Amino acid sequence: MEKEQVTAAGSKKLTDEEKALKRKKWLKRAGAAGFLFFLIKGLVWIAIALFAWKGCS
């Protein structure tokens, strides 16, 4: 295991592997958020269409 490198400011320097893991985790969150956004958006549009169809008849 590598030693953690610490900069002069006191923050640790991330290795390439740690950066890749952080990026992958962020992309998974963004994907889940995007899926939920479009799912809810689609359901709202279906509800609007049904309301308009029932309201007109």
Protein backbone atom coordinates (compact mmCIF):
# COMPACT_ATOMS: atom_id res chain seq x y z
CA MET A 1 0.00 0.00 0.00
CA GLU A 2 1.28 3.45 -0.88
CA LYS A 3 1.86 6.13 1.69
CA GLU A 4 -0.48 9.10 1.53
CA GLN A 5 1.24 12.17 0.21
CA VAL A 6 0.47 15.37 2.04
CA THR A 7 0.91 18.78 0.45
CA ALA A 8 2.10 21.90 2.23
CA ALA A 9 -1.51 22.95 2.80
CA GLY A 10 -2.18 19.70 4.66
CA SER A 11 -4.55 18.08 2.17
CA LYS A 12 -3.76 14.62 0.88
CA LYS A 13 -2.92 14.09 -2.76
CA LEU A 14 -5.27 11.61 -4.45
CA THR A 15 -3.83 8.78 -6.51
CA ASP A 16 -5.11 8.06 -10.01
CA GLU A 17 -7.06 5.05 -8.69
CA GLU A 18 -8.78 7.14 -6.01
CA LYS A 19 -9.65 9.80 -8.59
CA ALA A 20 -11.15 7.15 -10.87
CA LEU A 21 -13.23 5.75 -8.01
CA LYS A 22 -14.51 9.21 -7.08
CA ARG A 23 -15.40 9.92 -10.72
CA LYS A 24 -17.21 6.59 -11.06
CA LYS A 25 -19.18 7.22 -7.86
CA TRP A 26 -20.14 10.71 -9.06
CA LEU A 27 -21.27 9.38 -12.46
CA LYS A 28 -23.46 6.76 -10.78
CA ARG A 29 -25.14 9.46 -8.69
CA ALA A 30 -25.62 11.69 -11.72
CA GLY A 31 -27.09 8.78 -13.67
CA ALA A 32 -29.54 7.93 -10.90
CA ALA A 33 -30.56 11.58 -10.55
CA GLY A 34 -31.06 11.88 -14.32
CA PHE A 35 -33.16 8.72 -14.42
CA LEU A 36 -35.39 9.93 -11.59
CA PHE A 37 -35.75 13.38 -13.16
CA PHE A 38 -36.93 12.03 -16.50
CA LEU A 39 -39.15 9.41 -14.87
CA ILE A 40 -40.96 12.05 -12.81
CA LYS A 41 -41.11 14.41 -15.81
CA GLY A 42 -42.69 11.68 -17.92
CA LEU A 43 -45.23 10.82 -15.25
CA VAL A 44 -46.19 14.49 -14.89
CA TRP A 45 -46.74 14.79 -18.66
CA ILE A 46 -48.89 11.64 -18.63
CA ALA A 47 -50.94 13.11 -15.77
CA ILE A 48 -51.37 16.39 -17.70
CA ALA A 49 -52.47 14.51 -20.82
CA LEU A 50 -54.96 12.40 -18.87
CA PHE A 51 -56.34 15.47 -17.10
CA ALA A 52 -56.77 17.29 -20.42
CA TRP A 53 -58.42 14.24 -22.04
CA LYS A 54 -60.84 13.68 -19.12
CA GLY A 55 -61.52 17.39 -18.78
CA CYS A 56 -62.48 17.79 -22.45
CA SER A 57 -65.00 14.94 -22.52
